[in-house]
Amino acid sequence: MAEEKVFPMTLEGKDKLEAELEELKTKTRPEIIERIKIARSFGDLSENSEYESAKDEQSMVEGRISTIENMLHNAEIIDNDNVATDEVSVGRTVVFKELPDEEPEEYTIVGAAESDPMVGKISNDSPIAQALLGKKVGDHVMISIPVGEMEVEIIEVKN
């Protein structure tokens, strides 16, 4: 039997997923079921775009519910109690600058389930996170990027 994929996540990320799941199950799913009922009442389903649209949306919502349930079932809450406070790890925020003299950048390394680069949360599976994990403040790190490599210096690690 294949081993289940583990989803590392922060407590905040787990809470967010649980809230999304609750919303989907208690609000979104019943709304779609109601739309399907109404669309069915229009008669001929073969040319009923409202019915098709609602069924497509239902399929997407059920898929998302299933995905979230799997992620929560296989969640591994990140615990940094035994990691040095100046070491980059999942759940921590790292500040680094590209050498020689770029502006500092700040990212929180999170599990893939809660990654959102637009708000500074990068996946622990990303090339940047992979290069930085386990490194400490003051370390110089080479990071592979699509256009080659960049060298960065870790300035700060925050919990």
N, C-alpha and C. Protein backbone atom coordinates (compact mmCIF):
# COMPACT_ATOMS: atom_id res chain seq x y z
N MET A 1 0.84 -1.20 0.00
CA MET A 1 0.00 0.00 0.00
C MET A 1 0.88 1.25 0.00
N ALA A 2 0.52 2.22 -0.80
CA ALA A 2 1.30 3.46 -0.90
C ALA A 2 1.22 4.23 0.41
N GLU A 3 2.33 4.84 0.77
CA GLU A 3 2.36 5.63 2.00
C GLU A 3 1.63 6.94 1.77
N GLU A 4 0.83 7.34 2.76
CA GLU A 4 0.09 8.60 2.66
C GLU A 4 1.07 9.77 2.67
N LYS A 5 0.80 10.79 1.87
CA LYS A 5 1.63 12.00 1.86
C LYS A 5 1.31 12.79 3.13
N VAL A 6 2.35 13.23 3.81
CA VAL A 6 2.17 14.04 5.01
C VAL A 6 2.15 15.50 4.60
N PHE A 7 1.29 16.29 5.21
CA PHE A 7 1.18 17.71 4.90
C PHE A 7 1.63 18.52 6.11
N PRO A 8 2.90 18.98 6.09
CA PRO A 8 3.35 19.82 7.20
C PRO A 8 2.60 21.15 7.15
N MET A 9 2.15 21.64 8.29
CA MET A 9 1.46 22.93 8.33
C MET A 9 1.54 23.53 9.71
N THR A 10 1.38 24.83 9.73
CA THR A 10 1.33 25.54 11.01
C THR A 10 -0.06 25.35 11.60
N LEU A 11 -0.19 25.64 12.86
CA LEU A 11 -1.50 25.56 13.52
C LEU A 11 -2.46 26.54 12.85
N GLU A 12 -1.96 27.72 12.50
CA GLU A 12 -2.77 28.73 11.81
C GLU A 12 -3.27 28.19 10.47
N GLY A 13 -2.40 27.52 9.74
CA GLY A 13 -2.78 26.94 8.45
C GLY A 13 -3.83 25.86 8.61
N LYS A 14 -3.69 25.05 9.65
CA LYS A 14 -4.67 23.98 9.91
C LYS A 14 -6.03 24.61 10.25
N ASP A 15 -6.01 25.64 11.09
CA ASP A 15 -7.26 26.32 11.46
C ASP A 15 -7.95 26.91 10.23
N LYS A 16 -7.17 27.48 9.32
CA LYS A 16 -7.72 28.07 8.11
C LYS A 16 -8.38 27.02 7.23
N LEU A 17 -7.71 25.86 7.09
CA LEU A 17 -8.27 24.77 6.30
C LEU A 17 -9.56 24.25 6.93
N GLU A 18 -9.57 24.12 8.26
CA GLU A 18 -10.77 23.65 8.95
C GLU A 18 -11.93 24.62 8.74
N ALA A 19 -11.64 25.92 8.77
CA ALA A 19 -12.68 26.93 8.55
C ALA A 19 -13.20 26.85 7.11
N GLU A 20 -12.29 26.66 6.14
CA GLU A 20 -12.72 26.54 4.74
C GLU A 20 -13.59 25.31 4.56
N LEU A 21 -13.19 24.21 5.18
CA LEU A 21 -13.96 22.96 5.08
C LEU A 21 -15.36 23.15 5.66
N GLU A 22 -15.44 23.78 6.81
CA GLU A 22 -16.74 24.05 7.45
C GLU A 22 -17.63 24.89 6.54
N GLU A 23 -17.05 25.94 5.94
CA GLU A 23 -17.78 26.82 5.02
C GLU A 23 -18.31 26.04 3.81
N LEU A 24 -17.44 25.20 3.25
CA LEU A 24 -17.84 24.42 2.07
C LEU A 24 -18.97 23.44 2.41
N LYS A 25 -18.86 22.81 3.57
CA LYS A 25 -19.86 21.79 3.94
C LYS A 25 -21.19 22.40 4.39
N THR A 26 -21.13 23.49 5.14
CA THR A 26 -22.37 24.03 5.73
C THR A 26 -23.03 25.12 4.90
N LYS A 27 -22.27 25.78 4.02
CA LYS A 27 -22.84 26.89 3.26
C LYS A 27 -22.82 26.62 1.75
N THR A 28 -21.62 26.42 1.20
CA THR A 28 -21.48 26.29 -0.25
C THR A 28 -22.20 25.05 -0.79
N ARG A 29 -21.96 23.90 -0.17
CA ARG A 29 -22.57 22.65 -0.66
C ARG A 29 -24.10 22.75 -0.67
N PRO A 30 -24.76 23.18 0.43
CA PRO A 30 -26.23 23.29 0.40
C PRO A 30 -26.74 24.29 -0.64
N GLU A 31 -25.99 25.39 -0.86
CA GLU A 31 -26.40 26.37 -1.87
C GLU A 31 -26.40 25.74 -3.27
N ILE A 32 -25.37 24.96 -3.56
CA ILE A 32 -25.28 24.31 -4.87
C ILE A 32 -26.39 23.28 -5.04
N ILE A 33 -26.64 22.51 -3.99
CA ILE A 33 -27.72 21.51 -4.06
C ILE A 33 -29.05 22.19 -4.34
N GLU A 34 -29.27 23.33 -3.73
CA GLU A 34 -30.52 24.08 -3.96
C GLU A 34 -30.58 24.58 -5.40
N ARG A 35 -29.43 25.07 -5.93
CA ARG A 35 -29.40 25.53 -7.33
C ARG A 35 -29.69 24.38 -8.29
N ILE A 36 -29.17 23.19 -7.97
CA ILE A 36 -29.44 22.02 -8.82
C ILE A 36 -30.93 21.68 -8.80
N LYS A 37 -31.53 21.73 -7.61
CA LYS A 37 -32.98 21.45 -7.49
C LYS A 37 -33.79 22.42 -8.34
N ILE A 38 -33.45 23.70 -8.22
CA ILE A 38 -34.19 24.73 -8.98
C ILE A 38 -33.99 24.52 -10.48
N ALA A 39 -32.74 24.27 -10.89
CA ALA A 39 -32.46 24.07 -12.31
C ALA A 39 -33.18 22.84 -12.86
N ARG A 40 -33.27 21.79 -12.03
CA ARG A 40 -34.00 20.58 -12.45
C ARG A 40 -35.47 20.89 -12.72
N SER A 41 -36.01 21.81 -11.94
CA SER A 41 -37.44 22.13 -12.08
C SER A 41 -37.74 22.83 -13.41
N PHE A 42 -36.70 23.29 -14.11
CA PHE A 42 -36.91 23.94 -15.41
C PHE A 42 -37.20 22.93 -16.50
N GLY A 43 -37.09 21.64 -16.18
CA GLY A 43 -37.42 20.61 -17.17
C GLY A 43 -36.22 20.06 -17.88
N ASP A 44 -36.27 20.01 -19.19
CA ASP A 44 -35.26 19.38 -20.06
C ASP A 44 -33.83 19.69 -19.61
N LEU A 45 -33.13 18.66 -19.09
CA LEU A 45 -31.77 18.86 -18.58
C LEU A 45 -30.72 18.90 -19.69
N SER A 46 -31.08 18.45 -20.89
CA SER A 46 -30.09 18.38 -21.98
C SER A 46 -29.64 19.77 -22.45
N GLU A 47 -30.50 20.77 -22.32
CA GLU A 47 -30.12 22.12 -22.74
C GLU A 47 -30.27 23.11 -21.59
N ASN A 48 -29.96 22.64 -20.38
CA ASN A 48 -30.16 23.45 -19.20
C ASN A 48 -28.80 23.90 -18.67
N SER A 49 -28.38 25.10 -19.06
CA SER A 49 -27.05 25.59 -18.68
C SER A 49 -26.93 25.82 -17.17
N GLU A 50 -28.02 26.23 -16.52
CA GLU A 50 -27.97 26.44 -15.07
C GLU A 50 -27.66 25.12 -14.37
N TYR A 51 -28.30 24.05 -14.84
CA TYR A 51 -28.09 22.73 -14.26
C TYR A 51 -26.64 22.28 -14.48
N GLU A 52 -26.15 22.42 -15.71
CA GLU A 52 -24.77 22.01 -16.03
C GLU A 52 -23.77 22.80 -15.18
N SER A 53 -23.99 24.10 -15.10
CA SER A 53 -23.11 24.96 -14.32
C SER A 53 -23.09 24.55 -12.85
N ALA A 54 -24.25 24.30 -12.28
CA ALA A 54 -24.35 23.92 -10.87
C ALA A 54 -23.69 22.55 -10.64
N LYS A 55 -23.88 21.63 -11.58
CA LYS A 55 -23.26 20.30 -11.45
C LYS A 55 -21.73 20.41 -11.53
N ASP A 56 -21.23 21.25 -12.43
CA ASP A 56 -19.78 21.46 -12.53
C ASP A 56 -19.23 22.04 -11.23
N GLU A 57 -19.93 23.04 -10.70
CA GLU A 57 -19.49 23.66 -9.46
C GLU A 57 -19.54 22.66 -8.31
N GLN A 58 -20.59 21.83 -8.30
CA GLN A 58 -20.71 20.80 -7.26
C GLN A 58 -19.50 19.86 -7.32
N SER A 59 -19.12 19.49 -8.51
CA SER A 59 -17.98 18.59 -8.69
C SER A 59 -16.70 19.23 -8.14
N MET A 60 -16.49 20.51 -8.45
CA MET A 60 -15.30 21.21 -7.96
C MET A 60 -15.31 21.31 -6.43
N VAL A 61 -16.46 21.64 -5.86
CA VAL A 61 -16.57 21.79 -4.41
C VAL A 61 -16.33 20.44 -3.71
N GLU A 62 -16.92 19.39 -4.24
CA GLU A 62 -16.73 18.06 -3.65
C GLU A 62 -15.26 17.64 -3.73
N GLY A 63 -14.60 17.99 -4.83
CA GLY A 63 -13.18 17.70 -4.97
C GLY A 63 -12.35 18.45 -3.94
N ARG A 64 -12.68 19.72 -3.74
CA ARG A 64 -11.96 20.53 -2.76
C ARG A 64 -12.19 20.01 -1.35
N ILE A 65 -13.43 19.62 -1.04
CA ILE A 65 -13.74 19.05 0.28
C ILE A 65 -12.89 17.81 0.51
N SER A 66 -12.84 16.96 -0.48
CA SER A 66 -12.07 15.72 -0.38
C SER A 66 -10.57 16.02 -0.17
N THR A 67 -10.05 16.98 -0.93
CA THR A 67 -8.65 17.37 -0.80
C THR A 67 -8.35 17.90 0.60
N ILE A 68 -9.19 18.79 1.10
CA ILE A 68 -8.97 19.38 2.43
C ILE A 68 -9.05 18.29 3.50
N GLU A 69 -10.05 17.41 3.39
CA GLU A 69 -10.18 16.34 4.38
C GLU A 69 -8.92 15.47 4.41
N ASN A 70 -8.38 15.16 3.23
CA ASN A 70 -7.16 14.37 3.15
C ASN A 70 -5.98 15.12 3.78
N MET A 71 -5.87 16.41 3.47
CA MET A 71 -4.77 17.21 4.02
C MET A 71 -4.87 17.28 5.55
N LEU A 72 -6.06 17.49 6.06
CA LEU A 72 -6.24 17.58 7.51
C LEU A 72 -5.98 16.22 8.17
N HIS A 73 -6.44 15.15 7.52
CA HIS A 73 -6.23 13.80 8.06
C HIS A 73 -4.74 13.47 8.15
N ASN A 74 -3.96 13.98 7.20
CA ASN A 74 -2.52 13.69 7.14
C ASN A 74 -1.67 14.90 7.54
N ALA A 75 -2.28 15.82 8.27
CA ALA A 75 -1.56 17.02 8.70
C ALA A 75 -0.51 16.67 9.75
N GLU A 76 0.60 17.37 9.65
CA GLU A 76 1.64 17.26 10.66
C GLU A 76 1.93 18.68 11.13
N ILE A 77 1.50 18.98 12.35
CA ILE A 77 1.69 20.34 12.87
C ILE A 77 3.17 20.55 13.16
N ILE A 78 3.66 21.66 12.68
CA ILE A 78 5.08 21.99 12.81
C ILE A 78 5.39 22.38 14.25
N ASP A 79 6.44 21.77 14.77
CA ASP A 79 6.87 22.03 16.14
C ASP A 79 8.35 22.41 16.10
N ASN A 80 8.64 23.68 16.39
CA ASN A 80 10.03 24.15 16.33
C ASN A 80 10.69 24.23 17.70
N ASP A 81 10.09 23.60 18.71
CA ASP A 81 10.64 23.69 20.06
C ASP A 81 12.07 23.17 20.16
N ASN A 82 12.42 22.17 19.36
CA ASN A 82 13.75 21.57 19.45
C ASN A 82 14.70 22.07 18.36
N VAL A 83 14.33 23.18 17.71
CA VAL A 83 15.17 23.73 16.65
C VAL A 83 15.78 25.04 17.16
N ALA A 84 17.06 25.22 16.91
CA ALA A 84 17.73 26.46 17.35
C ALA A 84 16.97 27.68 16.83
N THR A 85 16.89 28.72 17.64
CA THR A 85 16.09 29.89 17.28
C THR A 85 16.63 30.66 16.08
N ASP A 86 17.92 30.45 15.73
CA ASP A 86 18.47 31.15 14.57
C ASP A 86 18.54 30.24 13.34
N GLU A 87 17.85 29.09 13.39
CA GLU A 87 17.88 28.13 12.28
C GLU A 87 16.59 28.22 11.47
N VAL A 88 16.74 28.22 10.15
CA VAL A 88 15.59 28.27 9.24
C VAL A 88 14.86 26.92 9.29
N SER A 89 13.55 26.98 9.54
CA SER A 89 12.75 25.75 9.54
C SER A 89 11.33 26.10 9.12
N VAL A 90 10.56 25.07 8.80
CA VAL A 90 9.17 25.27 8.40
C VAL A 90 8.42 25.91 9.56
N GLY A 91 7.62 26.92 9.24
CA GLY A 91 6.86 27.64 10.26
C GLY A 91 7.54 28.91 10.72
N ARG A 92 8.77 29.11 10.31
CA ARG A 92 9.50 30.31 10.69
C ARG A 92 9.60 31.28 9.52
N THR A 93 9.86 32.53 9.87
CA THR A 93 10.06 33.57 8.87
C THR A 93 11.55 33.82 8.74
N VAL A 94 12.02 33.90 7.51
CA VAL A 94 13.44 34.12 7.26
C VAL A 94 13.60 35.43 6.48
N VAL A 95 14.57 36.22 6.90
CA VAL A 95 14.91 37.45 6.20
C VAL A 95 16.29 37.22 5.59
N PHE A 96 16.40 37.44 4.28
CA PHE A 96 17.69 37.26 3.62
C PHE A 96 17.84 38.33 2.56
N LYS A 97 19.09 38.54 2.14
CA LYS A 97 19.31 39.47 1.03
C LYS A 97 20.20 38.81 0.02
N GLU A 98 19.89 39.10 -1.24
CA GLU A 98 20.72 38.59 -2.32
C GLU A 98 22.01 39.39 -2.32
N LEU A 99 23.13 38.70 -2.43
CA LEU A 99 24.43 39.37 -2.42
C LEU A 99 24.75 39.83 -3.84
N PRO A 100 25.48 40.92 -4.01
CA PRO A 100 26.17 41.63 -2.95
C PRO A 100 25.32 42.62 -2.16
N ASP A 101 24.35 43.31 -2.78
CA ASP A 101 23.74 44.40 -2.02
C ASP A 101 22.28 44.65 -2.36
N GLU A 102 21.49 43.57 -2.53
CA GLU A 102 20.06 43.75 -2.81
C GLU A 102 19.32 44.08 -1.52
N GLU A 103 18.07 44.53 -1.68
CA GLU A 103 17.22 44.80 -0.52
C GLU A 103 16.84 43.48 0.15
N PRO A 104 16.72 43.48 1.49
CA PRO A 104 16.31 42.25 2.18
C PRO A 104 14.91 41.80 1.76
N GLU A 105 14.69 40.49 1.72
CA GLU A 105 13.40 39.89 1.43
C GLU A 105 13.01 39.05 2.63
N GLU A 106 11.70 38.96 2.87
CA GLU A 106 11.22 38.21 4.03
C GLU A 106 10.14 37.22 3.58
N TYR A 107 10.31 35.96 3.98
CA TYR A 107 9.33 34.92 3.64
C TYR A 107 9.10 34.03 4.85
N THR A 108 7.88 33.58 4.99
CA THR A 108 7.57 32.56 5.99
C THR A 108 7.51 31.23 5.23
N ILE A 109 8.22 30.25 5.76
CA ILE A 109 8.23 28.93 5.12
C ILE A 109 7.12 28.10 5.74
N VAL A 110 6.20 27.67 4.90
CA VAL A 110 5.02 26.93 5.36
C VAL A 110 4.89 25.64 4.55
N GLY A 111 4.00 24.77 4.99
CA GLY A 111 3.71 23.58 4.21
C GLY A 111 3.04 23.98 2.91
N ALA A 112 3.14 23.12 1.91
CA ALA A 112 2.58 23.43 0.59
C ALA A 112 1.10 23.77 0.65
N ALA A 113 0.39 23.18 1.60
CA ALA A 113 -1.05 23.39 1.72
C ALA A 113 -1.41 24.85 2.01
N GLU A 114 -0.52 25.58 2.66
CA GLU A 114 -0.85 26.96 3.02
C GLU A 114 0.04 27.99 2.33
N SER A 115 0.77 27.55 1.33
CA SER A 115 1.66 28.44 0.61
C SER A 115 0.87 29.51 -0.14
N ASP A 116 1.35 30.75 -0.07
CA ASP A 116 0.74 31.87 -0.78
C ASP A 116 1.82 32.93 -1.00
N PRO A 117 2.62 32.78 -2.07
CA PRO A 117 3.74 33.68 -2.29
C PRO A 117 3.36 35.17 -2.31
N MET A 118 2.12 35.48 -2.72
CA MET A 118 1.71 36.88 -2.78
C MET A 118 1.69 37.54 -1.40
N VAL A 119 1.56 36.75 -0.34
CA VAL A 119 1.60 37.32 1.02
C VAL A 119 2.85 36.85 1.77
N GLY A 120 3.85 36.39 1.00
CA GLY A 120 5.14 36.06 1.61
C GLY A 120 5.21 34.70 2.26
N LYS A 121 4.30 33.80 1.92
CA LYS A 121 4.34 32.44 2.48
C LYS A 121 4.76 31.49 1.37
N ILE A 122 5.97 30.92 1.49
CA ILE A 122 6.46 30.02 0.45
C ILE A 122 6.45 28.58 0.94
N SER A 123 6.23 27.68 0.00
CA SER A 123 6.15 26.25 0.30
C SER A 123 7.51 25.71 0.71
N ASN A 124 7.48 24.79 1.67
CA ASN A 124 8.72 24.13 2.08
C ASN A 124 9.31 23.29 0.94
N ASP A 125 8.51 23.04 -0.10
CA ASP A 125 8.99 22.29 -1.27
C ASP A 125 9.64 23.19 -2.32
N SER A 126 9.52 24.51 -2.18
CA SER A 126 10.05 25.44 -3.18
C SER A 126 11.59 25.42 -3.16
N PRO A 127 12.20 25.75 -4.31
CA PRO A 127 13.68 25.76 -4.36
C PRO A 127 14.31 26.70 -3.32
N ILE A 128 13.71 27.86 -3.09
CA ILE A 128 14.27 28.80 -2.11
C ILE A 128 14.23 28.18 -0.72
N ALA A 129 13.06 27.66 -0.33
CA ALA A 129 12.93 27.06 1.01
C ALA A 129 13.86 25.87 1.16
N GLN A 130 13.92 25.02 0.12
CA GLN A 130 14.78 23.83 0.19
C GLN A 130 16.24 24.22 0.44
N ALA A 131 16.68 25.31 -0.20
CA ALA A 131 18.07 25.75 -0.04
C ALA A 131 18.31 26.34 1.35
N LEU A 132 17.27 26.99 1.94
CA LEU A 132 17.46 27.69 3.20
C LEU A 132 17.22 26.83 4.44
N LEU A 133 16.39 25.80 4.33
CA LEU A 133 16.06 24.96 5.49
C LEU A 133 17.32 24.40 6.14
N GLY A 134 17.39 24.55 7.46
CA GLY A 134 18.53 24.03 8.21
C GLY A 134 19.70 24.99 8.32
N LYS A 135 19.67 26.08 7.54
CA LYS A 135 20.76 27.06 7.59
C LYS A 135 20.49 28.04 8.74
N LYS A 136 21.53 28.80 9.10
CA LYS A 136 21.42 29.71 10.24
C LYS A 136 21.75 31.15 9.86
N VAL A 137 21.39 32.07 10.76
CA VAL A 137 21.69 33.48 10.57
C VAL A 137 23.18 33.65 10.29
N GLY A 138 23.50 34.45 9.27
CA GLY A 138 24.88 34.69 8.89
C GLY A 138 25.37 33.78 7.79
N ASP A 139 24.68 32.66 7.55
CA ASP A 139 25.09 31.73 6.50
C ASP A 139 24.90 32.36 5.13
N HIS A 140 25.81 32.03 4.22
CA HIS A 140 25.67 32.39 2.81
C HIS A 140 25.19 31.12 2.11
N VAL A 141 24.15 31.25 1.29
CA VAL A 141 23.52 30.09 0.66
C VAL A 141 23.37 30.32 -0.83
N MET A 142 23.70 29.30 -1.62
CA MET A 142 23.47 29.36 -3.06
C MET A 142 22.09 28.76 -3.34
N ILE A 143 21.26 29.51 -4.05
CA ILE A 143 19.91 29.06 -4.37
C ILE A 143 19.79 28.93 -5.89
N SER A 144 19.36 27.74 -6.34
CA SER A 144 19.14 27.54 -7.77
C SER A 144 17.82 28.19 -8.16
N ILE A 145 17.88 29.03 -9.18
CA ILE A 145 16.68 29.68 -9.69
C ILE A 145 16.64 29.43 -11.20
N PRO A 146 15.50 29.67 -11.84
CA PRO A 146 15.39 29.36 -13.28
C PRO A 146 16.50 29.97 -14.15
N VAL A 147 17.01 31.12 -13.76
CA VAL A 147 18.04 31.78 -14.59
C VAL A 147 19.46 31.52 -14.08
N GLY A 148 19.65 30.51 -13.24
CA GLY A 148 20.98 30.19 -12.74
C GLY A 148 21.00 30.01 -11.24
N GLU A 149 21.87 30.78 -10.59
CA GLU A 149 21.97 30.70 -9.14
C GLU A 149 22.07 32.10 -8.56
N MET A 150 21.60 32.22 -7.33
CA MET A 150 21.81 33.48 -6.62
C MET A 150 22.38 33.15 -5.24
N GLU A 151 23.25 34.01 -4.76
CA GLU A 151 23.82 33.82 -3.44
C GLU A 151 23.12 34.79 -2.49
N VAL A 152 22.67 34.25 -1.36
CA VAL A 152 22.00 35.08 -0.37
C VAL A 152 22.68 34.93 0.98
N GLU A 153 22.45 35.93 1.81
CA GLU A 153 22.91 35.86 3.20
C GLU A 153 21.68 35.91 4.09
N ILE A 154 21.60 34.99 5.05
CA ILE A 154 20.48 34.97 5.99
C ILE A 154 20.75 36.02 7.06
N ILE A 155 19.82 36.97 7.17
CA ILE A 155 19.99 38.09 8.10
C ILE A 155 19.30 37.82 9.42
N GLU A 156 18.10 37.22 9.35
CA GLU A 156 17.31 37.03 10.57
C GLU A 156 16.36 35.86 10.40
N VAL A 157 16.08 35.18 11.51
CA VAL A 157 15.07 34.12 11.54
C VAL A 157 14.11 34.46 12.68
N LYS A 158 12.82 34.51 12.36
CA LYS A 158 11.81 34.87 13.37
C LYS A 158 10.86 33.70 13.56
N ASN A 159 10.38 33.56 14.80
CA ASN A 159 9.38 32.52 15.07
C ASN A 159 8.02 32.97 14.64
